[in-house]
Amino acid sequence: YGGGISNLLATRLPDLAAAVPFYGSAPPLELVPNIKSPLLIHFA
């Protein structure tokens, strides 16, 4: 759940400095262009 929230916060917070979601669901795809922070994404 927190991985999904990490993805979502990246779309909501333009001054987020880094996001590291572990096995989190994707955010709404239409919001992805809003992302300003680099992402490190972990999947099982």
ModelCIF file with pLDDT and N, C-alpha, C, O atoms, coordinates in Angstrom:
data_MODEL
#
_entry.id   MODEL 
#
_entity.id                         1 
_entity.type                       polymer 
_entity.pdbx_number_of_molecules   1 
#
_entity_poly.entity_id                      1 
_entity_poly.type                           'polypeptide(L)' 
_entity_poly.nstd_linkage                   no 
_entity_poly.nstd_monomer                   no 
_entity_poly.pdbx_seq_one_letter_code       YGGGISNLLATRLPDLAAAVPFYGSAPPLELVPNIKSPLLIHFA 
_entity_poly.pdbx_seq_one_letter_code_can   YGGGISNLLATRLPDLAAAVPFYGSAPPLELVPNIKSPLLIHFA 
_entity_poly.pdbx_strand_id                 A 
#
loop_
_entity_poly_seq.entity_id 
_entity_poly_seq.num 
_entity_poly_seq.mon_id 
_entity_poly_seq.hetero 
1 1  TYR n 
1 2  GLY n 
1 3  GLY n 
1 4  GLY n 
1 5  ILE n 
1 6  SER n 
1 7  ASN n 
1 8  LEU n 
1 9  LEU n 
1 10 ALA n 
1 11 THR n 
1 12 ARG n 
1 13 LEU n 
1 14 PRO n 
1 15 ASP n 
1 16 LEU n 
1 17 ALA n 
1 18 ALA n 
1 19 ALA n 
1 20 VAL n 
1 21 PRO n 
1 22 PHE n 
1 23 TYR n 
1 24 GLY n 
1 25 SER n 
1 26 ALA n 
1 27 PRO n 
1 28 PRO n 
1 29 LEU n 
1 30 GLU n 
1 31 LEU n 
1 32 VAL n 
1 33 PRO n 
1 34 ASN n 
1 35 ILE n 
1 36 LYS n 
1 37 SER n 
1 38 PRO n 
1 39 LEU n 
1 40 LEU n 
1 41 ILE n 
1 42 HIS n 
1 43 PHE n 
1 44 ALA n 
#
_struct_asym.id          A 
_struct_asym.entity_id   1 
#
loop_
_ma_qa_metric.id 
_ma_qa_metric.mode 
_ma_qa_metric.name 
_ma_qa_metric.software_group_id 
_ma_qa_metric.type 
1 global pLDDT . pLDDT 
2 local  pLDDT . pLDDT 
#
_ma_qa_metric_global.metric_id      1 
_ma_qa_metric_global.metric_value   97.84 
_ma_qa_metric_global.model_id       1 
_ma_qa_metric_global.ordinal_id     1 
#
loop_
_ma_qa_metric_local.label_asym_id 
_ma_qa_metric_local.label_comp_id 
_ma_qa_metric_local.label_seq_id 
_ma_qa_metric_local.metric_id 
_ma_qa_metric_local.metric_value 
_ma_qa_metric_local.model_id 
_ma_qa_metric_local.ordinal_id 
A TYR 1  2 97.00 1 1  
A GLY 2  2 98.00 1 2  
A GLY 3  2 98.00 1 3  
A GLY 4  2 98.00 1 4  
A ILE 5  2 98.00 1 5  
A SER 6  2 98.00 1 6  
A ASN 7  2 98.00 1 7  
A LEU 8  2 98.00 1 8  
A LEU 9  2 98.00 1 9  
A ALA 10 2 98.00 1 10 
A THR 11 2 98.00 1 11 
A ARG 12 2 98.00 1 12 
A LEU 13 2 98.00 1 13 
A PRO 14 2 98.00 1 14 
A ASP 15 2 97.00 1 15 
A LEU 16 2 98.00 1 16 
A ALA 17 2 98.00 1 17 
A ALA 18 2 98.00 1 18 
A ALA 19 2 98.00 1 19 
A VAL 20 2 98.00 1 20 
A PRO 21 2 98.00 1 21 
A PHE 22 2 98.00 1 22 
A TYR 23 2 98.00 1 23 
A GLY 24 2 97.00 1 24 
A SER 25 2 96.00 1 25 
A ALA 26 2 98.00 1 26 
A PRO 27 2 98.00 1 27 
A PRO 28 2 98.00 1 28 
A LEU 29 2 98.00 1 29 
A GLU 30 2 98.00 1 30 
A LEU 31 2 98.00 1 31 
A VAL 32 2 98.00 1 32 
A PRO 33 2 98.00 1 33 
A ASN 34 2 98.00 1 34 
A ILE 35 2 98.00 1 35 
A LYS 36 2 97.00 1 36 
A SER 37 2 97.00 1 37 
A PRO 38 2 98.00 1 38 
A LEU 39 2 98.00 1 39 
A LEU 40 2 98.00 1 40 
A ILE 41 2 98.00 1 41 
A HIS 42 2 98.00 1 42 
A PHE 43 2 98.00 1 43 
A ALA 44 2 98.00 1 44 
#
loop_
_atom_site.group_PDB 
_atom_site.id 
_atom_site.type_symbol 
_atom_site.label_atom_id 
_atom_site.label_alt_id 
_atom_site.label_comp_id 
_atom_site.label_asym_id 
_atom_site.label_entity_id 
_atom_site.label_seq_id 
_atom_site.pdbx_PDB_ins_code 
_atom_site.Cartn_x 
_atom_site.Cartn_y 
_atom_site.Cartn_z 
_atom_site.occupancy 
_atom_site.B_iso_or_equiv 
_atom_site.pdbx_formal_charge 
_atom_site.auth_seq_id 
_atom_site.auth_comp_id 
_atom_site.auth_asym_id 
_atom_site.auth_atom_id 
_atom_site.pdbx_PDB_model_num 
ATOM 1   N N  . TYR A 1 1  ? 0.843  -1.194  0.000   1.00 97.00 ? 1  TYR A N  1 
ATOM 2   C CA . TYR A 1 1  ? 0.000  0.000   0.000   1.00 97.00 ? 1  TYR A CA 1 
ATOM 3   C C  . TYR A 1 1  ? 0.884  1.251   0.000   1.00 97.00 ? 1  TYR A C  1 
ATOM 4   O O  . TYR A 1 1  ? 0.634  2.200   -0.743  1.00 97.00 ? 1  TYR A O  1 
ATOM 5   N N  . GLY A 1 2  ? 1.908  1.237   0.835   1.00 98.00 ? 2  GLY A N  1 
ATOM 6   C CA . GLY A 1 2  ? 2.814  2.378   0.909   1.00 98.00 ? 2  GLY A CA 1 
ATOM 7   C C  . GLY A 1 2  ? 3.604  2.593   -0.366  1.00 98.00 ? 2  GLY A C  1 
ATOM 8   O O  . GLY A 1 2  ? 3.968  3.725   -0.685  1.00 98.00 ? 2  GLY A O  1 
ATOM 9   N N  . GLY A 1 3  ? 3.880  1.508   -1.112  1.00 98.00 ? 3  GLY A N  1 
ATOM 10  C CA . GLY A 1 3  ? 4.521  1.659   -2.400  1.00 98.00 ? 3  GLY A CA 1 
ATOM 11  C C  . GLY A 1 3  ? 3.616  2.383   -3.383  1.00 98.00 ? 3  GLY A C  1 
ATOM 12  O O  . GLY A 1 3  ? 4.062  3.245   -4.141  1.00 98.00 ? 3  GLY A O  1 
ATOM 13  N N  . GLY A 1 4  ? 2.325  2.016   -3.361  1.00 98.00 ? 4  GLY A N  1 
ATOM 14  C CA . GLY A 1 4  ? 1.364  2.717   -4.204  1.00 98.00 ? 4  GLY A CA 1 
ATOM 15  C C  . GLY A 1 4  ? 1.237  4.179   -3.813  1.00 98.00 ? 4  GLY A C  1 
ATOM 16  O O  . GLY A 1 4  ? 1.132  5.049   -4.678  1.00 98.00 ? 4  GLY A O  1 
ATOM 17  N N  . ILE A 1 5  ? 1.247  4.454   -2.505  1.00 98.00 ? 5  ILE A N  1 
ATOM 18  C CA . ILE A 1 5  ? 1.185  5.846   -2.039  1.00 98.00 ? 5  ILE A CA 1 
ATOM 19  C C  . ILE A 1 5  ? 2.447  6.603   -2.446  1.00 98.00 ? 5  ILE A C  1 
ATOM 20  O O  . ILE A 1 5  ? 2.373  7.783   -2.787  1.00 98.00 ? 5  ILE A O  1 
ATOM 21  N N  . SER A 1 6  ? 3.590  5.950   -2.414  1.00 98.00 ? 6  SER A N  1 
ATOM 22  C CA . SER A 1 6  ? 4.834  6.597   -2.851  1.00 98.00 ? 6  SER A CA 1 
ATOM 23  C C  . SER A 1 6  ? 4.731  7.016   -4.309  1.00 98.00 ? 6  SER A C  1 
ATOM 24  O O  . SER A 1 6  ? 5.125  8.124   -4.672  1.00 98.00 ? 6  SER A O  1 
ATOM 25  N N  . ASN A 1 7  ? 4.200  6.127   -5.147  1.00 98.00 ? 7  ASN A N  1 
ATOM 26  C CA . ASN A 1 7  ? 3.983  6.471   -6.553  1.00 98.00 ? 7  ASN A CA 1 
ATOM 27  C C  . ASN A 1 7  ? 3.011  7.645   -6.684  1.00 98.00 ? 7  ASN A C  1 
ATOM 28  O O  . ASN A 1 7  ? 3.228  8.562   -7.476  1.00 98.00 ? 7  ASN A O  1 
ATOM 29  N N  . LEU A 1 8  ? 1.947  7.599   -5.900  1.00 98.00 ? 8  LEU A N  1 
ATOM 30  C CA . LEU A 1 8  ? 0.946  8.659   -5.972  1.00 98.00 ? 8  LEU A CA 1 
ATOM 31  C C  . LEU A 1 8  ? 1.515  9.993   -5.506  1.00 98.00 ? 8  LEU A C  1 
ATOM 32  O O  . LEU A 1 8  ? 1.281  11.021  -6.143  1.00 98.00 ? 8  LEU A O  1 
ATOM 33  N N  . LEU A 1 9  ? 2.263  9.989   -4.397  1.00 98.00 ? 9  LEU A N  1 
ATOM 34  C CA . LEU A 1 9  ? 2.839  11.236  -3.897  1.00 98.00 ? 9  LEU A CA 1 
ATOM 35  C C  . LEU A 1 9  ? 3.798  11.855  -4.914  1.00 98.00 ? 9  LEU A C  1 
ATOM 36  O O  . LEU A 1 9  ? 3.914  13.078  -4.993  1.00 98.00 ? 9  LEU A O  1 
ATOM 37  N N  . ALA A 1 10 ? 4.478  11.021  -5.684  1.00 98.00 ? 10 ALA A N  1 
ATOM 38  C CA . ALA A 1 10 ? 5.370  11.554  -6.713  1.00 98.00 ? 10 ALA A CA 1 
ATOM 39  C C  . ALA A 1 10 ? 4.595  12.364  -7.742  1.00 98.00 ? 10 ALA A C  1 
ATOM 40  O O  . ALA A 1 10 ? 5.133  13.306  -8.324  1.00 98.00 ? 10 ALA A O  1 
ATOM 41  N N  . THR A 1 11 ? 3.332  12.005  -7.970  1.00 98.00 ? 11 THR A N  1 
ATOM 42  C CA . THR A 1 11 ? 2.508  12.775  -8.914  1.00 98.00 ? 11 THR A CA 1 
ATOM 43  C C  . THR A 1 11 ? 1.903  14.016  -8.272  1.00 98.00 ? 11 THR A C  1 
ATOM 44  O O  . THR A 1 11 ? 1.479  14.936  -8.972  1.00 98.00 ? 11 THR A O  1 
ATOM 45  N N  . ARG A 1 12 ? 1.861  14.046  -6.938  1.00 98.00 ? 12 ARG A N  1 
ATOM 46  C CA . ARG A 1 12 ? 1.198  15.132  -6.214  1.00 98.00 ? 12 ARG A CA 1 
ATOM 47  C C  . ARG A 1 12 ? 2.158  16.197  -5.718  1.00 98.00 ? 12 ARG A C  1 
ATOM 48  O O  . ARG A 1 12 ? 1.748  17.335  -5.490  1.00 98.00 ? 12 ARG A O  1 
ATOM 49  N N  . LEU A 1 13 ? 3.429  15.852  -5.546  1.00 98.00 ? 13 LEU A N  1 
ATOM 50  C CA . LEU A 1 13 ? 4.372  16.736  -4.854  1.00 98.00 ? 13 LEU A CA 1 
ATOM 51  C C  . LEU A 1 13 ? 5.522  17.098  -5.782  1.00 98.00 ? 13 LEU A C  1 
ATOM 52  O O  . LEU A 1 13 ? 6.468  16.322  -5.909  1.00 98.00 ? 13 LEU A O  1 
ATOM 53  N N  . PRO A 1 14 ? 5.467  18.241  -6.427  1.00 98.00 ? 14 PRO A N  1 
ATOM 54  C CA . PRO A 1 14 ? 6.520  18.609  -7.374  1.00 98.00 ? 14 PRO A CA 1 
ATOM 55  C C  . PRO A 1 14 ? 7.890  18.803  -6.728  1.00 98.00 ? 14 PRO A C  1 
ATOM 56  O O  . PRO A 1 14 ? 8.910  18.742  -7.413  1.00 98.00 ? 14 PRO A O  1 
ATOM 57  N N  . ASP A 1 15 ? 7.923  19.039  -5.406  1.00 97.00 ? 15 ASP A N  1 
ATOM 58  C CA . ASP A 1 15 ? 9.206  19.226  -4.740  1.00 97.00 ? 15 ASP A CA 1 
ATOM 59  C C  . ASP A 1 15 ? 9.651  17.991  -3.956  1.00 97.00 ? 15 ASP A C  1 
ATOM 60  O O  . ASP A 1 15 ? 10.559 18.075  -3.129  1.00 97.00 ? 15 ASP A O  1 
ATOM 61  N N  . LEU A 1 16 ? 9.015  16.845  -4.212  1.00 98.00 ? 16 LEU A N  1 
ATOM 62  C CA . LEU A 1 16 ? 9.511  15.589  -3.655  1.00 98.00 ? 16 LEU A CA 1 
ATOM 63  C C  . LEU A 1 16 ? 10.872 15.300  -4.284  1.00 98.00 ? 16 LEU A C  1 
ATOM 64  O O  . LEU A 1 16 ? 11.030 15.398  -5.501  1.00 98.00 ? 16 LEU A O  1 
ATOM 65  N N  . ALA A 1 17 ? 11.864 14.940  -3.444  1.00 98.00 ? 17 ALA A N  1 
ATOM 66  C CA . ALA A 1 17 ? 13.233 14.804  -3.944  1.00 98.00 ? 17 ALA A CA 1 
ATOM 67  C C  . ALA A 1 17 ? 13.575 13.401  -4.426  1.00 98.00 ? 17 ALA A C  1 
ATOM 68  O O  . ALA A 1 17 ? 14.503 13.236  -5.218  1.00 98.00 ? 17 ALA A O  1 
ATOM 69  N N  . ALA A 1 18 ? 12.847 12.387  -3.967  1.00 98.00 ? 18 ALA A N  1 
ATOM 70  C CA . ALA A 1 18 ? 13.111 11.006  -4.378  1.00 98.00 ? 18 ALA A CA 1 
ATOM 71  C C  . ALA A 1 18 ? 11.962 10.131  -3.902  1.00 98.00 ? 18 ALA A C  1 
ATOM 72  O O  . ALA A 1 18 ? 11.377 10.377  -2.847  1.00 98.00 ? 18 ALA A O  1 
ATOM 73  N N  . ALA A 1 19 ? 11.641 9.102   -4.691  1.00 98.00 ? 19 ALA A N  1 
ATOM 74  C CA . ALA A 1 19 ? 10.574 8.165   -4.317  1.00 98.00 ? 19 ALA A CA 1 
ATOM 75  C C  . ALA A 1 19 ? 11.058 6.745   -4.534  1.00 98.00 ? 19 ALA A C  1 
ATOM 76  O O  . ALA A 1 19 ? 11.625 6.420   -5.578  1.00 98.00 ? 19 ALA A O  1 
ATOM 77  N N  . VAL A 1 20 ? 10.824 5.888   -3.519  1.00 98.00 ? 20 VAL A N  1 
ATOM 78  C CA . VAL A 1 20 ? 11.265 4.497   -3.570  1.00 98.00 ? 20 VAL A CA 1 
ATOM 79  C C  . VAL A 1 20 ? 10.087 3.578   -3.215  1.00 98.00 ? 20 VAL A C  1 
ATOM 80  O O  . VAL A 1 20 ? 9.929  3.202   -2.054  1.00 98.00 ? 20 VAL A O  1 
ATOM 81  N N  . PRO A 1 21 ? 9.269  3.219   -4.196  1.00 98.00 ? 21 PRO A N  1 
ATOM 82  C CA . PRO A 1 21 ? 8.165  2.302   -3.931  1.00 98.00 ? 21 PRO A CA 1 
ATOM 83  C C  . PRO A 1 21 ? 8.613  0.835   -4.010  1.00 98.00 ? 21 PRO A C  1 
ATOM 84  O O  . PRO A 1 21 ? 9.266  0.421   -4.968  1.00 98.00 ? 21 PRO A O  1 
ATOM 85  N N  . PHE A 1 22 ? 8.249  0.068   -2.986  1.00 98.00 ? 22 PHE A N  1 
ATOM 86  C CA . PHE A 1 22 ? 8.425  -1.381  -3.006  1.00 98.00 ? 22 PHE A CA 1 
ATOM 87  C C  . PHE A 1 22 ? 7.090  -2.016  -3.365  1.00 98.00 ? 22 PHE A C  1 
ATOM 88  O O  . PHE A 1 22 ? 6.092  -1.819  -2.671  1.00 98.00 ? 22 PHE A O  1 
ATOM 89  N N  . TYR A 1 23 ? 7.076  -2.778  -4.450  1.00 98.00 ? 23 TYR A N  1 
ATOM 90  C CA . TYR A 1 23 ? 5.901  -3.526  -4.926  1.00 98.00 ? 23 TYR A CA 1 
ATOM 91  C C  . TYR A 1 23 ? 4.594  -2.762  -4.691  1.00 98.00 ? 23 TYR A C  1 
ATOM 92  O O  . TYR A 1 23 ? 3.667  -3.237  -4.036  1.00 98.00 ? 23 TYR A O  1 
ATOM 93  N N  . GLY A 1 24 ? 4.573  -1.549  -5.264  1.00 97.00 ? 24 GLY A N  1 
ATOM 94  C CA . GLY A 1 24 ? 3.395  -0.693  -5.145  1.00 97.00 ? 24 GLY A CA 1 
ATOM 95  C C  . GLY A 1 24 ? 2.685  -0.545  -6.477  1.00 97.00 ? 24 GLY A C  1 
ATOM 96  O O  . GLY A 1 24 ? 3.320  -0.561  -7.532  1.00 97.00 ? 24 GLY A O  1 
ATOM 97  N N  . SER A 1 25 ? 1.387  -0.403  -6.430  1.00 96.00 ? 25 SER A N  1 
ATOM 98  C CA . SER A 1 25 ? 0.602  -0.222  -7.647  1.00 96.00 ? 25 SER A CA 1 
ATOM 99  C C  . SER A 1 25 ? 0.914  1.131   -8.293  1.00 96.00 ? 25 SER A C  1 
ATOM 100 O O  . SER A 1 25 ? 1.313  2.085   -7.625  1.00 96.00 ? 25 SER A O  1 
ATOM 101 N N  . ALA A 1 26 ? 0.720  1.181   -9.602  1.00 98.00 ? 26 ALA A N  1 
ATOM 102 C CA . ALA A 1 26 ? 0.975  2.411   -10.356 1.00 98.00 ? 26 ALA A CA 1 
ATOM 103 C C  . ALA A 1 26 ? -0.031 3.490   -9.988  1.00 98.00 ? 26 ALA A C  1 
ATOM 104 O O  . ALA A 1 26 ? -1.156 3.182   -9.594  1.00 98.00 ? 26 ALA A O  1 
ATOM 105 N N  . PRO A 1 27 ? 0.365  4.746   -10.111 1.00 98.00 ? 27 PRO A N  1 
ATOM 106 C CA . PRO A 1 27 ? -0.577 5.853   -9.905  1.00 98.00 ? 27 PRO A CA 1 
ATOM 107 C C  . PRO A 1 27 ? -1.452 5.998   -11.147 1.00 98.00 ? 27 PRO A C  1 
ATOM 108 O O  . PRO A 1 27 ? -1.200 5.331   -12.151 1.00 98.00 ? 27 PRO A O  1 
ATOM 109 N N  . PRO A 1 28 ? -2.474 6.853   -11.105 1.00 98.00 ? 28 PRO A N  1 
ATOM 110 C CA . PRO A 1 28 ? -3.244 7.119   -12.321 1.00 98.00 ? 28 PRO A CA 1 
ATOM 111 C C  . PRO A 1 28 ? -2.304 7.572   -13.438 1.00 98.00 ? 28 PRO A C  1 
ATOM 112 O O  . PRO A 1 28 ? -1.532 8.515   -13.262 1.00 98.00 ? 28 PRO A O  1 
ATOM 113 N N  . LEU A 1 29 ? -2.372 6.902   -14.578 1.00 98.00 ? 29 LEU A N  1 
ATOM 114 C CA . LEU A 1 29 ? -1.396 7.145   -15.640 1.00 98.00 ? 29 LEU A CA 1 
ATOM 115 C C  . LEU A 1 29 ? -1.455 8.571   -16.169 1.00 98.00 ? 29 LEU A C  1 
ATOM 116 O O  . LEU A 1 29 ? -0.447 9.110   -16.625 1.00 98.00 ? 29 LEU A O  1 
ATOM 117 N N  . GLU A 1 30 ? -2.644 9.186   -16.108 1.00 98.00 ? 30 GLU A N  1 
ATOM 118 C CA . GLU A 1 30 ? -2.744 10.550  -16.616 1.00 98.00 ? 30 GLU A CA 1 
ATOM 119 C C  . GLU A 1 30 ? -1.993 11.552  -15.744 1.00 98.00 ? 30 GLU A C  1 
ATOM 120 O O  . GLU A 1 30 ? -1.746 12.684  -16.161 1.00 98.00 ? 30 GLU A O  1 
ATOM 121 N N  . LEU A 1 31 ? -1.627 11.127  -14.516 1.00 98.00 ? 31 LEU A N  1 
ATOM 122 C CA . LEU A 1 31 ? -0.891 12.011  -13.611 1.00 98.00 ? 31 LEU A CA 1 
ATOM 123 C C  . LEU A 1 31 ? 0.621  11.833  -13.708 1.00 98.00 ? 31 LEU A C  1 
ATOM 124 O O  . LEU A 1 31 ? 1.373  12.636  -13.156 1.00 98.00 ? 31 LEU A O  1 
ATOM 125 N N  . VAL A 1 32 ? 1.072  10.794  -14.401 1.00 98.00 ? 32 VAL A N  1 
ATOM 126 C CA . VAL A 1 32 ? 2.508  10.505  -14.472 1.00 98.00 ? 32 VAL A CA 1 
ATOM 127 C C  . VAL A 1 32 ? 3.329  11.693  -14.985 1.00 98.00 ? 32 VAL A C  1 
ATOM 128 O O  . VAL A 1 32 ? 4.420  11.923  -14.463 1.00 98.00 ? 32 VAL A O  1 
ATOM 129 N N  . PRO A 1 33 ? 2.862  12.460  -15.983 1.00 98.00 ? 33 PRO A N  1 
ATOM 130 C CA . PRO A 1 33 ? 3.666  13.608  -16.432 1.00 98.00 ? 33 PRO A CA 1 
ATOM 131 C C  . PRO A 1 33 ? 3.922  14.649  -15.351 1.00 98.00 ? 33 PRO A C  1 
ATOM 132 O O  . PRO A 1 33 ? 4.796  15.500  -15.512 1.00 98.00 ? 33 PRO A O  1 
ATOM 133 N N  . ASN A 1 34 ? 3.169  14.595  -14.244 1.00 98.00 ? 34 ASN A N  1 
ATOM 134 C CA . ASN A 1 34 ? 3.390  15.542  -13.144 1.00 98.00 ? 34 ASN A CA 1 
ATOM 135 C C  . ASN A 1 34 ? 4.625  15.211  -12.316 1.00 98.00 ? 34 ASN A C  1 
ATOM 136 O O  . ASN A 1 34 ? 5.096  16.050  -11.548 1.00 98.00 ? 34 ASN A O  1 
ATOM 137 N N  . ILE A 1 35 ? 5.152  14.008  -12.464 1.00 98.00 ? 35 ILE A N  1 
ATOM 138 C CA . ILE A 1 35 ? 6.250  13.553  -11.606 1.00 98.00 ? 35 ILE A CA 1 
ATOM 139 C C  . ILE A 1 35 ? 7.522  14.354  -11.896 1.00 98.00 ? 35 ILE A C  1 
ATOM 140 O O  . ILE A 1 35 ? 7.936  14.485  -13.048 1.00 98.00 ? 35 ILE A O  1 
ATOM 141 N N  . LYS A 1 36 ? 8.130  14.882  -10.843 1.00 97.00 ? 36 LYS A N  1 
ATOM 142 C CA . LYS A 1 36 ? 9.384  15.620  -10.959 1.00 97.00 ? 36 LYS A CA 1 
ATOM 143 C C  . LYS A 1 36 ? 10.542 14.899  -10.265 1.00 97.00 ? 36 LYS A C  1 
ATOM 144 O O  . LYS A 1 36 ? 11.705 15.189  -10.547 1.00 97.00 ? 36 LYS A O  1 
ATOM 145 N N  . SER A 1 37 ? 10.239 13.971  -9.367  1.00 97.00 ? 37 SER A N  1 
ATOM 146 C CA . SER A 1 37 ? 11.289 13.306  -8.604  1.00 97.00 ? 37 SER A CA 1 
ATOM 147 C C  . SER A 1 37 ? 11.789 12.060  -9.321  1.00 97.00 ? 37 SER A C  1 
ATOM 148 O O  . SER A 1 37 ? 11.029 11.420  -10.048 1.00 97.00 ? 37 SER A O  1 
ATOM 149 N N  . PRO A 1 38 ? 13.060 11.706  -9.125  1.00 98.00 ? 38 PRO A N  1 
ATOM 150 C CA . PRO A 1 38 ? 13.542 10.423  -9.637  1.00 98.00 ? 38 PRO A CA 1 
ATOM 151 C C  . PRO A 1 38 ? 12.896 9.277   -8.859  1.00 98.00 ? 38 PRO A C  1 
ATOM 152 O O  . PRO A 1 38 ? 12.538 9.435   -7.692  1.00 98.00 ? 38 PRO A O  1 
ATOM 153 N N  . LEU A 1 39 ? 12.752 8.136   -9.504  1.00 98.00 ? 39 LEU A N  1 
ATOM 154 C CA . LEU A 1 39 ? 12.100 6.980   -8.908  1.00 98.00 ? 39 LEU A CA 1 
ATOM 155 C C  . LEU A 1 39 ? 13.047 5.786   -8.887  1.00 98.00 ? 39 LEU A C  1 
ATOM 156 O O  . LEU A 1 39 ? 13.766 5.531   -9.853  1.00 98.00 ? 39 LEU A O  1 
ATOM 157 N N  . LEU A 1 40 ? 13.037 5.061   -7.777  1.00 98.00 ? 40 LEU A N  1 
ATOM 158 C CA . LEU A 1 40 ? 13.697 3.762   -7.669  1.00 98.00 ? 40 LEU A CA 1 
ATOM 159 C C  . LEU A 1 40 ? 12.603 2.763   -7.311  1.00 98.00 ? 40 LEU A C  1 
ATOM 160 O O  . LEU A 1 40 ? 12.052 2.814   -6.212  1.00 98.00 ? 40 LEU A O  1 
ATOM 161 N N  . ILE A 1 41 ? 12.287 1.860   -8.227  1.00 98.00 ? 41 ILE A N  1 
ATOM 162 C CA . ILE A 1 41 ? 11.097 1.026   -8.094  1.00 98.00 ? 41 ILE A CA 1 
ATOM 163 C C  . ILE A 1 41 ? 11.511 -0.438  -7.932  1.00 98.00 ? 41 ILE A C  1 
ATOM 164 O O  . ILE A 1 41 ? 12.258 -0.975  -8.750  1.00 98.00 ? 41 ILE A O  1 
ATOM 165 N N  . HIS A 1 42 ? 11.021 -1.069  -6.879  1.00 98.00 ? 42 HIS A N  1 
ATOM 166 C CA . HIS A 1 42 ? 11.338 -2.470  -6.584  1.00 98.00 ? 42 HIS A CA 1 
ATOM 167 C C  . HIS A 1 42 ? 10.100 -3.345  -6.790  1.00 98.00 ? 42 HIS A C  1 
ATOM 168 O O  . HIS A 1 42 ? 9.009  -3.021  -6.320  1.00 98.00 ? 42 HIS A O  1 
ATOM 169 N N  . PHE A 1 43 ? 10.290 -4.463  -7.504  1.00 98.00 ? 43 PHE A N  1 
ATOM 170 C CA . PHE A 1 43 ? 9.210  -5.415  -7.724  1.00 98.00 ? 43 PHE A CA 1 
ATOM 171 C C  . PHE A 1 43 ? 9.640  -6.823  -7.319  1.00 98.00 ? 43 PHE A C  1 
ATOM 172 O O  . PHE A 1 43 ? 10.813 -7.181  -7.425  1.00 98.00 ? 43 PHE A O  1 
ATOM 173 N N  . ALA A 1 44 ? 8.682  -7.607  -6.860  1.00 98.00 ? 44 ALA A N  1 
ATOM 174 C CA . ALA A 1 44 ? 8.884  -9.040  -6.681  1.00 98.00 ? 44 ALA A CA 1 
ATOM 175 C C  . ALA A 1 44 ? 8.531  -9.744  -7.985  1.00 98.00 ? 44 ALA A C  1 
ATOM 176 O O  . ALA A 1 44 ? 8.626  -10.968 -8.070  1.00 98.00 ? 44 ALA A O  1 
#
